[in-house]
């Protein structure tokens, strides 16, 4: 019995010894394979970096940055071509591109200095702004005691300003490429201490109707419907205290985002009207705002 036990222990030890040896060999093999994979990954990474930094790829990225307005990033990409491919046609082209971009940067700097020096005097009125599929034709901008609209032939509607007030008035025709556009807000700003402060937003009213029946809504007036007519005419107005505009500069501005929506009110006269939504007009305008969403219509 003791001999059997001893023999069993010897055999078990032999198998155990073989298993440990095989495991060690496998671990060494796996470690070697892992190192090979790491080296292959490193080589692939280098190759990918080289591919990403070819003149063609750098040139594509430079053009993309330029289109997005990131001129410095565009210069960096072109400079990479010059540094890594000196003497080639790609490098020569990159040098020319950098010169042109640097000229643009310098022009922008000079223009910014000019705007800063002149301030709002640099702004020029635009009587035919176009944006978002809309074309506006500003026919008249003025102040008056009476705001008239909804002319249907022999009669029209009017709104008289209360004592001490006047209306800021705009007559405009709007063309639209779509059938139901949101109309842009017309805004009045007053110059106070060198800044433009918001006075208010002008409201929309239709200028005319085909006849009294269409005004009442008995039948449609396609001339006041963008789904049938490319152009619709409006008279806009906003009542303001006379003291706020007398002997002061008032800027009538349009924001190039729509916020007035066409609505139907069966009990109204007329049934169709444009109601103000969320226009998000800035309370104070800086000169830079006129490079973006705001357009000067007229300075009164």
Protein backbone atom coordinates (compact mmCIF):
# COMPACT_ATOMS: atom_id res chain seq x y z
CA UNK A 1 0.00 0.00 0.00
CA UNK A 2 2.80 2.37 0.84
CA UNK A 3 4.50 1.53 -2.52
CA UNK A 4 1.34 2.38 -4.46
CA UNK A 5 1.06 5.68 -2.67
CA UNK A 6 4.66 6.53 -3.43
CA UNK A 7 4.24 5.59 -7.12
CA UNK A 8 1.13 7.74 -7.41
CA UNK A 9 2.92 10.75 -5.98
CA UNK A 10 5.83 10.28 -8.41
CA UNK A 11 3.49 10.08 -11.43
CA UNK A 12 1.52 13.13 -10.26
CA UNK A 13 4.74 15.08 -9.79
CA UNK A 14 5.87 14.11 -13.29
CA UNK A 15 2.61 15.36 -14.87
CA UNK A 16 2.77 18.50 -12.77
CA UNK A 17 6.33 19.13 -13.92
CA UNK A 18 5.30 18.66 -17.57
CA UNK A 19 2.33 21.06 -17.19
CA UNK A 20 4.49 23.78 -15.66
CA UNK A 21 7.04 23.41 -18.45
CA UNK A 22 4.38 23.62 -21.16
CA UNK A 23 2.77 26.66 -19.55
CA UNK A 24 6.10 28.43 -19.39
CA UNK A 25 6.72 27.71 -23.07
CA UNK A 26 3.26 28.97 -24.00
CA UNK A 27 3.74 32.14 -21.94
CA UNK A 28 7.06 32.81 -23.64
CA UNK A 29 5.43 32.30 -27.05
CA UNK A 30 2.52 34.56 -26.18
CA UNK A 31 4.87 37.26 -24.91
CA UNK A 32 6.81 37.08 -28.15
CA UNK A 33 3.62 37.35 -30.20
CA UNK A 34 2.49 40.31 -28.11
CA UNK A 35 5.74 42.15 -28.77
CA UNK A 36 5.36 41.49 -32.48
CA UNK A 37 1.81 42.89 -32.41
CA UNK A 38 2.98 45.96 -30.53
CA UNK A 39 5.67 46.57 -33.13
CA UNK A 40 3.20 46.11 -35.97
CA UNK A 41 0.82 48.56 -34.26
CA UNK A 42 3.61 51.10 -33.86
CA UNK A 43 4.53 50.78 -37.55
CA UNK A 44 0.86 51.12 -38.58
CA UNK A 45 0.52 54.21 -36.40
CA UNK A 46 3.58 55.77 -38.03
CA UNK A 47 2.27 54.93 -41.48
CA UNK A 48 -1.13 56.43 -40.63
CA UNK A 49 0.54 59.60 -39.38
CA UNK A 50 2.52 59.83 -42.59
CA UNK A 51 -0.65 59.35 -44.65
CA UNK A 52 -2.46 62.04 -42.67
CA UNK A 53 0.42 64.44 -43.23
CA UNK A 54 0.90 64.03 -46.94
CA UNK A 55 0.79 67.31 -48.89
CA UNK A 56 -2.61 66.32 -50.27
CA UNK A 57 -4.11 65.72 -46.83
CA UNK A 58 -2.58 68.86 -45.33
CA UNK A 59 -3.82 70.89 -48.29
CA UNK A 60 -7.36 69.53 -47.84
CA UNK A 61 -7.34 70.41 -44.14
CA UNK A 62 -5.92 73.88 -44.90
CA UNK A 63 -8.75 74.56 -47.36
CA UNK A 64 -11.32 73.28 -44.85
CA UNK A 65 -10.01 75.58 -42.10
CA UNK A 66 -9.96 78.51 -44.55
CA UNK A 67 -13.60 77.89 -45.52
CA UNK A 68 -14.53 77.81 -41.82
CA UNK A 69 -12.74 81.12 -41.22
CA UNK A 70 -9.94 79.66 -39.08
CA UNK A 71 -7.12 81.38 -40.96
CA UNK A 72 -4.38 80.61 -38.42
CA UNK A 73 -5.13 76.88 -38.53
CA UNK A 74 -5.00 77.03 -42.32
CA UNK A 75 -1.57 78.66 -42.19
CA UNK A 76 -0.34 75.94 -39.79
CA UNK A 77 -1.28 73.22 -42.27
CA UNK A 78 0.42 74.99 -45.17
CA UNK A 79 3.51 75.58 -43.03
CA UNK A 80 3.65 71.83 -42.37
CA UNK A 81 3.91 71.24 -46.12
CA UNK A 82 6.74 73.79 -46.39
CA UNK A 83 8.67 72.28 -43.46
CA UNK A 84 8.39 68.66 -44.58
CA UNK A 85 8.41 68.95 -48.37
CA UNK A 86 10.79 71.84 -49.05
CA UNK A 87 11.68 72.40 -52.67
CA UNK A 88 8.59 70.66 -54.05
CA UNK A 89 5.78 72.21 -56.05
CA UNK A 90 3.50 71.53 -53.07
CA UNK A 91 5.75 73.66 -50.84
CA UNK A 92 5.85 76.48 -53.41
CA UNK A 93 2.05 76.47 -53.61
CA UNK A 94 1.81 76.48 -49.80
CA UNK A 95 4.06 79.57 -49.66
CA UNK A 96 1.73 81.42 -52.05
CA UNK A 97 -1.34 80.37 -50.05
CA UNK A 98 0.19 81.63 -46.80
CA UNK A 99 1.03 84.97 -48.41
CA UNK A 100 -2.57 85.37 -49.55
CA UNK A 101 -3.98 84.41 -46.15
CA UNK A 102 -1.63 86.79 -44.35
CA UNK A 103 -2.79 89.55 -46.71
CA UNK A 104 -6.40 88.77 -45.76
CA UNK A 105 -5.52 88.86 -42.05
CA UNK A 106 -3.88 92.25 -42.53
CA UNK A 107 -6.89 93.61 -44.44
CA UNK A 108 -9.19 92.36 -41.66
CA UNK A 109 -7.00 94.06 -39.06
CA UNK A 110 -7.06 97.37 -40.93
CA UNK A 111 -10.83 97.12 -41.43
CA UNK A 112 -11.35 96.39 -37.73
CA UNK A 113 -9.29 99.45 -36.82
CA UNK A 114 -11.30 101.57 -39.27
CA UNK A 115 -14.60 100.37 -37.79
CA UNK A 116 -13.36 101.09 -34.30
CA UNK A 117 -12.35 104.62 -35.29
CA UNK A 118 -15.52 105.48 -37.20
CA UNK A 119 -18.02 103.55 -35.09
CA UNK A 120 -21.61 103.53 -36.34
CA UNK A 121 -20.77 106.13 -39.00
CA UNK A 122 -19.42 103.29 -41.12
CA UNK A 123 -22.88 101.71 -41.49
CA UNK A 124 -24.66 102.15 -44.81
CA UNK A 125 -28.46 101.78 -45.18
CA UNK A 126 -29.66 98.83 -47.23
CA UNK A 127 -33.05 99.26 -48.90
CA UNK A 128 -33.06 95.79 -50.48
CA UNK A 129 -31.69 93.22 -48.01
CA UNK A 130 -31.85 89.53 -48.92
CA UNK A 131 -31.55 86.53 -46.61
CA UNK A 132 -33.12 83.12 -45.88
CA UNK A 133 -35.06 83.04 -49.15
CA UNK A 134 -36.53 86.51 -48.56
CA UNK A 135 -36.01 89.69 -50.54
CA UNK A 136 -37.14 92.92 -48.88
CA UNK A 137 -37.85 96.12 -50.82
CA UNK A 138 -37.96 99.04 -48.40
CA UNK A 139 -40.11 101.75 -49.98
CA UNK A 140 -40.29 104.32 -47.19
CA UNK A 141 -39.20 104.85 -43.58
CA UNK A 142 -40.56 107.82 -41.66
CA UNK A 143 -42.30 109.07 -38.51
CA UNK A 144 -45.90 110.23 -38.36
CA UNK A 145 -48.92 110.60 -36.12
CA UNK A 146 -51.07 108.27 -38.27
CA UNK A 147 -50.38 104.65 -39.19
CA UNK A 148 -52.68 103.53 -42.04
CA UNK A 149 -53.15 99.99 -43.37
CA UNK A 150 -55.79 97.46 -44.59
CA UNK A 151 -56.79 99.59 -47.55
CA UNK A 152 -59.63 97.81 -49.40
CA UNK A 153 -60.53 100.42 -52.00
CA UNK A 154 -62.75 103.18 -50.69
CA UNK A 155 -61.77 102.75 -47.02
CA UNK A 156 -58.77 101.84 -44.90
CA UNK A 157 -57.90 101.33 -41.27
CA UNK A 158 -55.71 103.67 -39.27
CA UNK A 159 -54.12 103.99 -35.87
CA UNK A 160 -53.40 107.46 -34.49
CA UNK A 161 -50.60 107.92 -31.98
CA UNK A 162 -51.67 109.18 -28.56
CA UNK A 163 -50.75 112.65 -27.36
CA UNK A 164 -47.00 113.10 -27.04
CA UNK A 165 -46.29 110.03 -29.17
CA UNK A 166 -45.54 109.31 -32.82
CA UNK A 167 -45.32 106.20 -34.96
CA UNK A 168 -42.14 104.89 -36.51
CA UNK A 169 -43.37 103.64 -39.88
CA UNK A 170 -41.99 101.37 -42.60
CA UNK A 171 -43.52 100.54 -45.96
CA UNK A 172 -42.09 97.29 -47.35
CA UNK A 173 -42.78 94.63 -49.97
CA UNK A 174 -41.46 91.16 -49.23
CA UNK A 175 -40.75 88.42 -51.74
CA UNK A 176 -40.44 84.84 -50.54
CA UNK A 177 -39.14 81.67 -52.14
CA UNK A 178 -41.28 79.58 -49.76
CA UNK A 179 -45.05 79.43 -49.29
CA UNK A 180 -45.24 80.25 -45.59
CA UNK A 181 -42.16 82.12 -44.40
CA UNK A 182 -41.47 83.50 -40.97
CA UNK A 183 -41.06 87.25 -41.42
CA UNK A 184 -38.14 89.16 -39.88
CA UNK A 185 -38.49 91.72 -37.10
CA UNK A 186 -38.04 95.41 -37.85
CA UNK A 187 -36.47 97.06 -34.80
CA UNK A 188 -35.95 100.63 -33.62
CA UNK A 189 -32.77 101.51 -31.71
CA UNK A 190 -31.85 104.82 -30.11
CA UNK A 191 -28.29 106.08 -29.80
CA UNK A 192 -27.51 106.61 -26.10
CA UNK A 193 -23.98 107.33 -24.88
CA UNK A 194 -22.45 105.87 -28.00
CA UNK A 195 -24.50 102.66 -27.92
CA UNK A 196 -27.66 101.54 -29.69
CA UNK A 197 -30.42 100.77 -27.19
CA UNK A 198 -33.59 98.95 -28.23
CA UNK A 199 -36.72 101.11 -28.36
CA UNK A 200 -39.12 98.49 -29.67
CA UNK A 201 -40.29 96.16 -32.42
CA UNK A 202 -42.52 97.29 -35.28
CA UNK A 203 -45.75 95.40 -35.89
CA UNK A 204 -46.93 94.02 -39.25
CA UNK A 205 -50.18 95.06 -40.96
CA UNK A 206 -51.27 94.29 -44.54
CA UNK A 207 -51.11 97.30 -46.80
CA UNK A 208 -54.19 96.52 -48.89
CA UNK A 209 -56.94 94.02 -49.68
CA UNK A 210 -58.65 93.17 -52.95
CA UNK A 211 -61.99 94.47 -51.61
CA UNK A 212 -64.11 94.67 -48.47
CA UNK A 213 -65.23 91.06 -48.78
CA UNK A 214 -61.70 89.70 -48.75
CA UNK A 215 -60.86 92.01 -45.83
CA UNK A 216 -63.79 90.50 -43.88
CA UNK A 217 -62.62 87.00 -44.78
CA UNK A 218 -65.63 86.12 -46.92
CA UNK A 219 -63.17 84.83 -49.49
CA UNK A 220 -59.41 84.66 -49.87
CA UNK A 221 -57.18 87.44 -51.10
CA UNK A 222 -54.33 85.62 -52.82
CA UNK A 223 -52.36 88.85 -53.03
CA UNK A 224 -51.81 88.62 -49.26
CA UNK A 225 -50.87 84.94 -49.26
CA UNK A 226 -47.30 83.82 -49.98
CA UNK A 227 -48.60 80.39 -51.03
CA UNK A 228 -50.22 82.11 -54.03
CA UNK A 229 -48.26 85.34 -54.44
CA UNK A 230 -44.48 85.69 -54.48
CA UNK A 231 -44.64 89.23 -53.08
CA UNK A 232 -46.81 90.67 -50.28
CA UNK A 233 -46.92 94.32 -49.18
CA UNK A 234 -47.00 95.50 -45.57
CA UNK A 235 -47.18 98.72 -43.59
CA UNK A 236 -45.33 98.40 -40.29
CA UNK A 237 -45.52 100.66 -37.27
CA UNK A 238 -44.44 101.18 -33.69
CA UNK A 239 -45.64 103.89 -31.33
CA UNK A 240 -42.94 105.71 -29.40
CA UNK A 241 -42.73 108.77 -27.17
CA UNK A 242 -41.72 111.83 -29.18
CA UNK A 243 -39.09 112.79 -26.63
CA UNK A 244 -37.28 109.50 -27.26
CA UNK A 245 -36.55 110.38 -30.87
CA UNK A 246 -36.53 114.16 -31.10
CA UNK A 247 -33.01 115.48 -31.79
CA UNK A 248 -31.64 111.96 -31.36
CA UNK A 249 -30.32 109.37 -33.77
CA UNK A 250 -32.76 106.51 -34.29
CA UNK A 251 -31.65 103.45 -36.26
CA UNK A 252 -34.32 101.35 -37.97
CA UNK A 253 -32.86 97.86 -38.27
CA UNK A 254 -34.01 94.47 -39.57
CA UNK A 255 -32.80 91.23 -38.00
CA UNK A 256 -32.17 88.49 -40.55
CA UNK A 257 -34.07 85.77 -38.68
CA UNK A 258 -37.80 85.16 -38.95
CA UNK A 259 -40.10 85.40 -35.94
CA UNK A 260 -43.44 86.81 -37.20
CA UNK A 261 -45.84 83.96 -38.01
CA UNK A 262 -48.96 83.93 -40.18
CA UNK A 263 -52.07 83.19 -38.09
CA UNK A 264 -55.80 82.85 -38.71
CA UNK A 265 -58.34 84.38 -36.32
CA UNK A 266 -61.87 83.65 -37.50
CA UNK A 267 -63.29 86.41 -35.31
CA UNK A 268 -60.75 89.02 -36.36
CA UNK A 269 -60.92 91.67 -39.04
CA UNK A 270 -59.00 90.81 -41.05
CA UNK A 271 -58.86 87.11 -40.24
CA UNK A 272 -55.24 86.84 -41.32
CA UNK A 273 -52.46 88.53 -39.41
CA UNK A 274 -48.76 88.15 -38.62
CA UNK A 275 -48.09 87.71 -34.91
CA UNK A 276 -44.77 88.29 -33.21
CA UNK A 277 -43.00 85.24 -31.85
CA UNK A 278 -39.69 85.04 -30.01
CA UNK A 279 -37.42 87.41 -31.90
CA UNK A 280 -34.56 87.51 -29.37
CA UNK A 281 -33.61 91.02 -30.38
CA UNK A 282 -30.54 92.30 -28.59
CA UNK A 283 -31.16 95.07 -26.11
CA UNK A 284 -27.89 96.73 -27.10
CA UNK A 285 -26.27 96.57 -30.53
CA UNK A 286 -22.55 96.80 -31.15
CA UNK A 287 -20.99 97.66 -34.49
CA UNK A 288 -19.93 94.01 -34.88
CA UNK A 289 -23.57 92.90 -34.82
CA UNK A 290 -24.05 94.48 -38.24
CA UNK A 291 -21.56 91.99 -39.66
CA UNK A 292 -23.87 89.16 -38.60
CA UNK A 293 -27.65 89.22 -38.08
CA UNK A 294 -28.52 92.93 -38.14
CA UNK A 295 -28.98 95.17 -41.18
CA UNK A 296 -29.39 98.94 -41.10
CA UNK A 297 -32.46 100.08 -43.02
CA UNK A 298 -32.32 103.78 -42.25
CA UNK A 299 -31.03 106.26 -39.70
CA UNK A 300 -33.57 108.92 -38.75
